[in-house]
Amino acid sequence: MKDIKLHFFVFFLLTFSGVALAQPFQIGHATINFTDPARGNRVIATEIYYPSDISGDNVAMTATAGDFPVLSFGHGFVMTWDAYQNFWTSLVPNGYIMVFPKTEGSFSPSHLDFGKDLAFVIDQMNLLNNDNTSIFYNRISIMNSVMGHSMGGGASFLAAQLNSSIKTIVNFAPAETNPSAVSAAASVTIPALIFSGINDCVTPPNVHQIPMYNSLSGTCKTLINIIGGSHCQMANSNFFCNVGEGSCSPQPTISRAIQHNIINTYLLPWLHYQLKGNCSQGTLFDSQILVDTAITYQKNCIQCVDLGIDTSGLNNRIKVYPNPINDFLEINGAEGKQYQIQLYDSQAKLVLEKSFTTTTTIETSVLAKGIYIYTIVEEGKTALEGKIIK
């Protein structure tokens, strides 16, 4: 109950207090069919939600001065854009434009074309920024993100690989694709945030999200594992997703509302920092993740580098697995490098400390069930930190 109250309190602060970047906006909506001449005049029907002073279809952008980051969001397999109302009702009032390509909704989708669509609509929104007949004229920020759930999450890695103008990537239970999202992630260097559900039986984290996270080449990446969270509860209830999830196990052990609030606790401050440069929001992200018992995580960066903290030792060469752990914890680092791991329990008590070269296996059978925080030091500098569950 304490953790639930904490997430609702943080979400309240982000949305309604002075912590938020702007006064909450109303939600405008438009539908635009973009055409890609490079792919035989392919039509990409797109739903767009944007900040306004009144709610409704085709209403004007808000009169509040400024421009707004674009978030291009990919839907899951045979899911539709309206399953993601939880995202636009959270993000648009906080000053973001969300665009949802509606393509590749069949039972035989092209993942590559969907990735191209996610990248293409970002470019098209940038063009509308220069069109004085558009409601988006002079209102589109150069900052943007490609996002997605399940299939759309995997396709967003393909989009980021194809379009160098994309600034960030955020995914919710991303699924492996064809061509491979895991392989594409190796060439993605932009800041990345991945959410997974530990109880996801549709795209199990160890098969999908963790390999994607490990493959990412960027200097700032974070993987958040929601304890008890599931695949379908990333979004609103959807028939096809529910059917798929209902046939496998484990089932979620937290409610959809709780999972959404956990997501918003991190998604909002991460975007506020990465796309709007709000350093205090980056600090909020980093402080919350350390004490939150509703998640485990891995990350290799500090969000707000303006704090004067030396992050030069942070790197992407270390892998810590599995998570959750049972009797053993494996750590793989760079060949010949000297490391030290420190493992703390939820009361910040040091329970294990070990030095090693390149790789090590740590017996954890003696540890009590619970959540542990680890720090890995390389050459006197923090190289990786994270949270694991037993």
Protein backbone atom coordinates (compact mmCIF):
# COMPACT_ATOMS: atom_id res chain seq x y z
CA MET A 1 0.00 0.00 0.00
CA LYS A 2 2.90 2.34 0.77
CA ASP A 3 4.32 1.91 -2.75
CA ILE A 4 0.92 2.48 -4.37
CA LYS A 5 0.47 5.74 -2.45
CA LEU A 6 3.99 6.80 -3.41
CA HIS A 7 3.33 6.31 -7.14
CA PHE A 8 0.04 8.21 -7.01
CA PHE A 9 1.76 11.03 -5.09
CA VAL A 10 4.61 11.32 -7.59
CA PHE A 11 2.14 11.25 -10.50
CA PHE A 12 0.12 14.00 -8.79
CA LEU A 13 3.22 16.14 -8.39
CA LEU A 14 4.23 15.67 -12.00
CA THR A 15 0.81 16.52 -13.39
CA PHE A 16 -0.65 19.17 -11.14
CA SER A 17 2.05 20.93 -9.15
CA GLY A 18 4.88 23.31 -9.89
CA VAL A 19 7.11 20.30 -10.56
CA ALA A 20 5.49 19.92 -13.98
CA LEU A 21 6.86 21.93 -16.87
CA ALA A 22 3.60 23.58 -17.80
CA GLN A 23 0.01 24.00 -16.75
CA PRO A 24 -1.96 20.97 -17.98
CA PHE A 25 -3.40 21.38 -21.48
CA GLN A 26 -6.62 20.12 -22.99
CA ILE A 27 -6.42 17.48 -25.74
CA GLY A 28 -6.99 18.28 -29.38
CA HIS A 29 -7.34 15.55 -32.01
CA ALA A 30 -6.82 15.32 -35.76
CA THR A 31 -6.57 12.55 -38.36
CA ILE A 32 -4.10 12.98 -41.21
CA ASN A 33 -3.27 10.64 -44.08
CA PHE A 34 0.41 11.03 -44.90
CA THR A 35 1.72 9.74 -48.25
CA ASP A 36 5.20 8.32 -48.78
CA PRO A 37 6.21 8.65 -52.45
CA ALA A 38 9.36 6.61 -51.86
CA ARG A 39 7.21 3.54 -51.20
CA GLY A 40 4.77 3.69 -54.09
CA ASN A 41 2.68 6.49 -52.52
CA ARG A 42 2.02 4.38 -49.45
CA VAL A 43 -0.73 6.00 -47.35
CA ILE A 44 -0.10 6.16 -43.61
CA ALA A 45 -3.33 7.00 -41.80
CA THR A 46 -2.35 8.68 -38.53
CA GLU A 47 -4.23 9.74 -35.41
CA ILE A 48 -2.74 12.83 -33.74
CA TYR A 49 -3.36 14.16 -30.22
CA TYR A 50 -1.95 17.55 -29.28
CA PRO A 51 -2.04 20.27 -26.60
CA SER A 52 -4.97 22.66 -26.98
CA ASP A 53 -6.96 25.13 -24.91
CA ILE A 54 -10.18 23.27 -25.68
CA SER A 55 -10.86 19.59 -26.28
CA GLY A 56 -12.11 18.43 -29.65
CA ASP A 57 -11.40 17.45 -33.23
CA ASN A 58 -9.32 19.79 -35.42
CA VAL A 59 -9.24 22.53 -32.78
CA ALA A 60 -6.37 24.98 -32.67
CA MET A 61 -3.13 24.27 -30.90
CA THR A 62 -2.88 25.93 -27.51
CA ALA A 63 -2.24 29.67 -27.52
CA THR A 64 0.48 29.08 -24.93
CA ALA A 65 3.77 30.06 -26.54
CA GLY A 66 6.34 27.45 -27.40
CA ASP A 67 6.87 24.31 -29.42
CA PHE A 68 6.14 20.73 -28.47
CA PRO A 69 8.03 17.43 -28.87
CA VAL A 70 6.50 14.77 -31.12
CA LEU A 71 6.11 11.20 -29.86
CA SER A 72 5.55 8.62 -32.62
CA PHE A 73 3.88 5.54 -31.10
CA GLY A 74 3.57 2.07 -32.62
CA HIS A 75 0.69 -0.25 -31.67
CA GLY A 76 0.98 -3.92 -30.76
CA PHE A 77 0.13 -6.91 -32.96
CA VAL A 78 -3.51 -6.68 -34.20
CA MET A 79 -4.07 -3.89 -31.69
CA THR A 80 -5.38 -0.42 -32.57
CA TRP A 81 -4.28 3.05 -31.55
CA ASP A 82 -7.23 3.59 -29.21
CA ALA A 83 -5.86 0.94 -26.83
CA TYR A 84 -3.23 3.52 -25.85
CA GLN A 85 -5.49 6.24 -24.51
CA ASN A 86 -3.67 5.89 -21.19
CA PHE A 87 -0.59 7.37 -22.87
CA TRP A 88 -2.13 10.32 -24.67
CA THR A 89 -4.28 11.32 -21.69
CA SER A 90 -1.12 11.40 -19.58
CA LEU A 91 1.41 12.90 -21.99
CA VAL A 92 -0.53 15.41 -24.09
CA PRO A 93 -1.70 17.51 -21.11
CA ASN A 94 1.96 17.73 -20.12
CA GLY A 95 2.98 19.30 -23.42
CA TYR A 96 3.59 16.51 -25.95
CA ILE A 97 2.17 15.73 -29.39
CA MET A 98 1.40 12.04 -29.90
CA VAL A 99 1.08 10.52 -33.37
CA PHE A 100 -0.23 6.99 -33.94
CA PRO A 101 0.30 5.41 -37.39
CA LYS A 102 -2.55 2.94 -37.97
CA THR A 103 -0.80 0.77 -40.55
CA GLU A 104 0.18 -2.92 -40.29
CA GLY A 105 -2.81 -3.95 -38.23
CA SER A 106 -3.34 -7.28 -40.02
CA PHE A 107 -2.44 -10.80 -38.92
CA SER A 108 0.57 -10.71 -41.27
CA PRO A 109 2.18 -7.31 -40.65
CA SER A 110 5.43 -6.06 -42.13
CA HIS A 111 7.59 -5.04 -39.20
CA LEU A 112 10.01 -3.21 -41.44
CA ASP A 113 7.28 -1.13 -43.09
CA PHE A 114 5.84 -0.33 -39.68
CA GLY A 115 9.25 0.86 -38.50
CA LYS A 116 9.54 3.02 -41.61
CA ASP A 117 6.07 4.44 -40.92
CA LEU A 118 7.02 5.38 -37.36
CA ALA A 119 10.07 7.22 -38.64
CA PHE A 120 8.23 8.77 -41.61
CA VAL A 121 5.48 10.44 -39.58
CA ILE A 122 8.09 12.24 -37.47
CA ASP A 123 9.54 13.74 -40.65
CA GLN A 124 6.04 14.66 -41.85
CA MET A 125 5.26 16.47 -38.59
CA ASN A 126 8.48 18.42 -39.03
CA LEU A 127 7.28 19.44 -42.49
CA LEU A 128 3.96 20.62 -41.06
CA ASN A 129 5.97 22.87 -38.77
CA ASN A 130 6.89 24.86 -41.89
CA ASP A 131 3.38 24.83 -43.42
CA ASN A 132 1.54 28.05 -42.57
CA THR A 133 -1.79 26.42 -43.41
CA SER A 134 -1.34 23.74 -40.75
CA ILE A 135 -2.47 23.92 -37.12
CA PHE A 136 1.03 22.70 -36.30
CA TYR A 137 2.76 25.65 -38.01
CA ASN A 138 5.76 26.74 -35.92
CA ARG A 139 4.68 24.49 -33.03
CA ILE A 140 6.85 21.38 -33.58
CA SER A 141 9.99 21.00 -31.48
CA ILE A 142 13.17 19.57 -32.98
CA MET A 143 13.10 17.10 -30.07
CA ASN A 144 11.12 13.89 -30.55
CA SER A 145 10.83 10.26 -29.58
CA VAL A 146 9.86 7.01 -31.26
CA MET A 147 7.83 4.78 -28.97
CA GLY A 148 5.77 1.62 -29.05
CA HIS A 149 4.22 -1.38 -27.35
CA SER A 150 4.92 -5.02 -28.19
CA MET A 151 5.29 -5.26 -32.00
CA GLY A 152 5.32 -1.46 -32.19
CA GLY A 153 8.06 -1.36 -29.58
CA GLY A 154 10.22 -3.71 -31.60
CA ALA A 155 9.47 -1.74 -34.78
CA SER A 156 10.58 1.45 -33.06
CA PHE A 157 14.13 0.07 -32.93
CA LEU A 158 13.93 -0.34 -36.71
CA ALA A 159 12.67 3.24 -36.98
CA ALA A 160 15.52 4.60 -34.84
CA GLN A 161 18.01 2.71 -36.95
CA LEU A 162 16.55 4.22 -40.15
CA ASN A 163 16.08 7.86 -39.11
CA SER A 164 18.98 9.81 -37.61
CA SER A 165 16.71 12.73 -36.69
CA ILE A 166 15.05 10.67 -33.92
CA LYS A 167 16.31 11.88 -30.55
CA THR A 168 15.12 9.22 -28.08
CA ILE A 169 13.44 5.82 -27.93
CA VAL A 170 10.94 4.54 -25.33
CA ASN A 171 9.39 1.07 -25.36
CA PHE A 172 6.78 -0.88 -23.43
CA ALA A 173 7.26 -4.65 -23.48
CA PRO A 174 8.85 -4.48 -26.96
CA ALA A 175 8.74 -7.70 -28.98
CA GLU A 176 11.42 -9.13 -31.22
CA THR A 177 10.70 -8.43 -34.89
CA ASN A 178 11.72 -9.50 -38.38
CA PRO A 179 14.17 -7.94 -39.21
CA SER A 180 15.52 -8.22 -35.71
CA ALA A 181 14.94 -5.41 -33.22
CA VAL A 182 17.73 -6.87 -31.08
CA SER A 183 20.16 -6.55 -33.96
CA ALA A 184 18.90 -3.06 -34.82
CA ALA A 185 19.41 -1.96 -31.21
CA ALA A 186 23.16 -2.46 -31.62
CA SER A 187 23.27 0.58 -33.92
CA VAL A 188 20.97 2.73 -31.74
CA THR A 189 22.99 5.22 -29.70
CA ILE A 190 20.27 7.69 -28.64
CA PRO A 191 18.97 7.71 -25.02
CA ALA A 192 16.68 4.73 -24.45
CA LEU A 193 14.10 3.71 -21.87
CA ILE A 194 12.55 0.22 -21.87
CA PHE A 195 9.72 -0.97 -19.63
CA SER A 196 9.09 -4.66 -19.08
CA GLY A 197 6.67 -6.64 -16.91
CA ILE A 198 8.28 -9.37 -14.84
CA ASN A 199 5.07 -11.41 -15.24
CA ASP A 200 4.96 -10.87 -19.02
CA CYS A 201 4.18 -14.28 -20.51
CA VAL A 202 3.63 -12.91 -24.05
CA THR A 203 7.08 -11.37 -24.57
CA PRO A 204 9.15 -12.70 -21.64
CA PRO A 205 11.81 -10.14 -20.66
CA ASN A 206 14.73 -12.59 -20.86
CA VAL A 207 13.83 -13.36 -24.50
CA HIS A 208 12.80 -9.89 -25.67
CA GLN A 209 13.46 -6.76 -23.57
CA ILE A 210 16.69 -7.78 -21.83
CA PRO A 211 18.49 -8.75 -25.09
CA MET A 212 17.35 -5.44 -26.61
CA TYR A 213 18.67 -3.50 -23.61
CA ASN A 214 21.98 -5.37 -23.67
CA SER A 215 22.33 -4.78 -27.41
CA LEU A 216 21.82 -0.99 -27.22
CA SER A 217 25.01 0.97 -27.86
CA GLY A 218 24.03 4.27 -26.28
CA THR A 219 25.69 5.92 -23.29
CA CYS A 220 22.31 6.44 -21.59
CA LYS A 221 19.93 3.49 -21.39
CA THR A 222 17.55 2.26 -18.69
CA LEU A 223 15.55 -0.94 -18.31
CA ILE A 224 12.70 -0.84 -15.77
CA ASN A 225 11.14 -4.18 -14.79
CA ILE A 226 7.71 -3.82 -13.17
CA ILE A 227 7.26 -6.43 -10.44
CA GLY A 228 4.01 -8.31 -11.07
CA GLY A 229 3.46 -6.33 -14.27
CA SER A 230 2.21 -7.93 -17.48
CA HIS A 231 2.34 -7.42 -21.22
CA CYS A 232 -1.20 -6.24 -21.89
CA GLN A 233 -1.43 -4.00 -18.84
CA MET A 234 1.03 -1.62 -20.48
CA ALA A 235 -2.02 -0.39 -22.42
CA ASN A 236 -5.76 -0.15 -21.86
CA SER A 237 -7.79 -3.34 -22.07
CA ASN A 238 -7.77 -4.82 -25.58
CA PHE A 239 -9.60 -7.95 -26.73
CA PHE A 240 -6.86 -9.49 -28.88
CA CYS A 241 -4.12 -8.78 -26.35
CA ASN A 242 -6.25 -10.17 -23.53
CA VAL A 243 -6.92 -13.38 -25.46
CA GLY A 244 -3.22 -13.96 -26.02
CA GLU A 245 -2.25 -13.18 -22.46
CA GLY A 246 -5.08 -15.23 -20.99
CA SER A 247 -3.64 -18.39 -22.52
CA CYS A 248 -0.23 -18.20 -20.84
CA SER A 249 1.29 -17.75 -17.42
CA PRO A 250 2.30 -16.16 -15.11
CA GLN A 251 -0.62 -13.77 -14.83
CA PRO A 252 -0.20 -10.23 -13.47
CA THR A 253 -0.22 -9.76 -9.71
CA ILE A 254 -0.85 -6.01 -9.80
CA SER A 255 -3.77 -4.10 -11.32
CA ARG A 256 -3.71 -2.25 -14.62
CA ALA A 257 -4.14 1.08 -12.80
CA ILE A 258 -1.12 0.42 -10.59
CA GLN A 259 0.99 -0.60 -13.59
CA HIS A 260 0.02 2.59 -15.42
CA ASN A 261 0.97 4.72 -12.43
CA ILE A 262 4.35 3.01 -12.16
CA ILE A 263 4.95 3.75 -15.85
CA ASN A 264 3.98 7.41 -15.47
CA THR A 265 6.20 7.78 -12.42
CA TYR A 266 9.21 7.30 -14.71
CA LEU A 267 7.97 8.13 -18.20
CA LEU A 268 7.02 11.73 -17.46
CA PRO A 269 10.24 12.86 -15.74
CA TRP A 270 12.35 10.95 -18.26
CA LEU A 271 10.71 12.74 -21.19
CA HIS A 272 10.73 16.09 -19.37
CA TYR A 273 14.49 15.79 -19.00
CA GLN A 274 15.43 14.13 -22.29
CA LEU A 275 13.16 16.23 -24.54
CA LYS A 276 12.68 19.45 -22.56
CA GLY A 277 15.96 19.69 -20.69
CA ASN A 278 14.41 19.95 -17.22
CA CYS A 279 17.27 18.90 -14.95
CA SER A 280 15.14 18.62 -11.81
CA GLN A 281 12.99 16.04 -13.57
CA GLY A 282 16.07 13.99 -14.39
CA THR A 283 17.04 14.16 -10.74
CA LEU A 284 13.54 13.03 -9.75
CA PHE A 285 13.87 10.03 -12.08
CA ASP A 286 17.23 9.01 -10.61
CA SER A 287 16.20 9.46 -6.98
CA GLN A 288 12.87 7.62 -7.33
CA ILE A 289 14.35 4.60 -9.08
CA LEU A 290 16.72 3.95 -6.17
CA VAL A 291 14.03 3.58 -3.51
CA ASP A 292 11.11 2.12 -5.47
CA THR A 293 10.32 -1.42 -4.31
CA ALA A 294 7.75 -1.89 -7.11
CA ILE A 295 10.48 -2.31 -9.76
CA THR A 296 13.91 -3.67 -10.52
CA TYR A 297 16.12 -1.89 -13.01
CA GLN A 298 19.39 -1.58 -14.90
CA LYS A 299 20.83 1.69 -16.14
CA ASN A 300 24.18 3.05 -17.20
CA CYS A 301 23.74 6.81 -16.85
CA ILE A 302 22.71 9.66 -14.61
CA GLN A 303 19.86 11.60 -16.19
CA CYS A 304 20.94 15.07 -15.17
CA VAL A 305 24.62 15.55 -16.02
CA ASP A 306 24.38 19.18 -14.86
CA LEU A 307 24.75 17.90 -11.29
CA GLY A 308 28.51 17.83 -11.79
CA ILE A 309 28.72 14.07 -11.26
CA ASP A 310 31.49 12.31 -13.14
CA THR A 311 29.80 9.87 -15.50
CA SER A 312 32.87 9.16 -17.64
CA GLY A 313 33.17 5.66 -16.16
CA LEU A 314 29.68 4.61 -17.22
CA ASN A 315 29.67 2.10 -20.06
CA ASN A 316 27.67 -0.54 -21.88
CA ARG A 317 30.09 -3.44 -21.64
CA ILE A 318 28.74 -5.09 -18.48
CA LYS A 319 25.86 -7.56 -18.38
CA VAL A 320 24.18 -8.67 -15.15
CA TYR A 321 21.76 -11.62 -15.30
CA PRO A 322 19.38 -13.29 -14.65
CA ASN A 323 16.81 -10.99 -13.10
CA PRO A 324 15.01 -12.26 -11.04
CA ILE A 325 17.80 -14.42 -9.60
CA ASN A 326 17.63 -17.82 -7.92
CA ASP A 327 20.89 -19.37 -6.72
CA PHE A 328 23.46 -17.63 -8.91
CA LEU A 329 24.15 -14.16 -10.36
CA GLU A 330 26.27 -13.87 -13.48
CA ILE A 331 28.30 -10.76 -14.37
CA ASN A 332 30.13 -10.37 -17.67
CA GLY A 333 32.40 -7.40 -18.32
CA ALA A 334 35.08 -6.39 -20.79
CA GLU A 335 38.03 -8.70 -21.33
CA GLY A 336 40.86 -8.03 -18.87
CA LYS A 337 39.06 -5.29 -16.95
CA GLN A 338 39.08 -5.15 -13.14
CA TYR A 339 35.72 -4.75 -11.40
CA GLN A 340 34.20 -4.66 -7.95
CA ILE A 341 30.54 -5.38 -7.21
CA GLN A 342 28.76 -4.20 -4.08
CA LEU A 343 25.32 -5.62 -3.32
CA TYR A 344 22.97 -3.92 -0.84
CA ASP A 345 19.64 -5.05 0.58
CA SER A 346 16.50 -2.89 0.67
CA GLN A 347 17.69 -1.36 3.97
CA ALA A 348 20.93 -0.17 2.30
CA LYS A 349 22.98 -2.77 4.20
CA LEU A 350 26.01 -4.13 2.35
CA VAL A 351 25.46 -7.88 2.00
CA LEU A 352 28.13 -8.77 -0.55
CA GLU A 353 31.31 -7.29 -1.99
CA LYS A 354 33.58 -8.95 -4.50
CA SER A 355 36.41 -8.01 -6.86
CA PHE A 356 36.86 -9.85 -10.14
CA THR A 357 38.38 -9.69 -13.62
CA THR A 358 36.20 -9.85 -16.75
CA THR A 359 33.51 -12.20 -15.44
CA THR A 360 32.24 -13.81 -12.26
CA THR A 361 29.51 -16.06 -10.88
CA ILE A 362 28.14 -15.21 -7.44
CA GLU A 363 26.25 -17.72 -5.33
CA THR A 364 23.06 -16.09 -4.05
CA SER A 365 21.31 -19.06 -2.48
CA VAL A 366 22.09 -17.73 0.99
CA LEU A 367 20.34 -14.42 0.32
CA ALA A 368 16.81 -13.90 1.59
CA LYS A 369 14.03 -13.20 -0.87
CA GLY A 370 13.69 -9.52 -1.58
CA ILE A 371 15.05 -6.61 -3.62
CA TYR A 372 18.75 -5.81 -3.86
CA ILE A 373 20.63 -2.82 -5.30
CA TYR A 374 24.01 -3.35 -6.92
CA THR A 375 26.86 -1.04 -7.90
CA ILE A 376 29.69 -2.16 -10.17
CA VAL A 377 32.89 -0.11 -10.07
CA GLU A 378 35.53 -0.11 -12.81
CA GLU A 379 38.82 1.70 -12.27
CA GLY A 380 37.45 3.66 -9.35
CA LYS A 381 34.34 4.88 -11.19
CA THR A 382 30.75 3.66 -11.14
CA ALA A 383 30.28 1.64 -14.33
CA LEU A 384 26.79 0.24 -13.75
CA GLU A 385 24.06 0.25 -11.16
CA GLY A 386 20.77 -1.56 -10.93
CA LYS A 387 18.20 -3.41 -8.91
CA ILE A 388 17.50 -7.13 -8.89
CA ILE A 389 14.88 -9.30 -7.23
CA LYS A 390 15.15 -12.73 -5.66
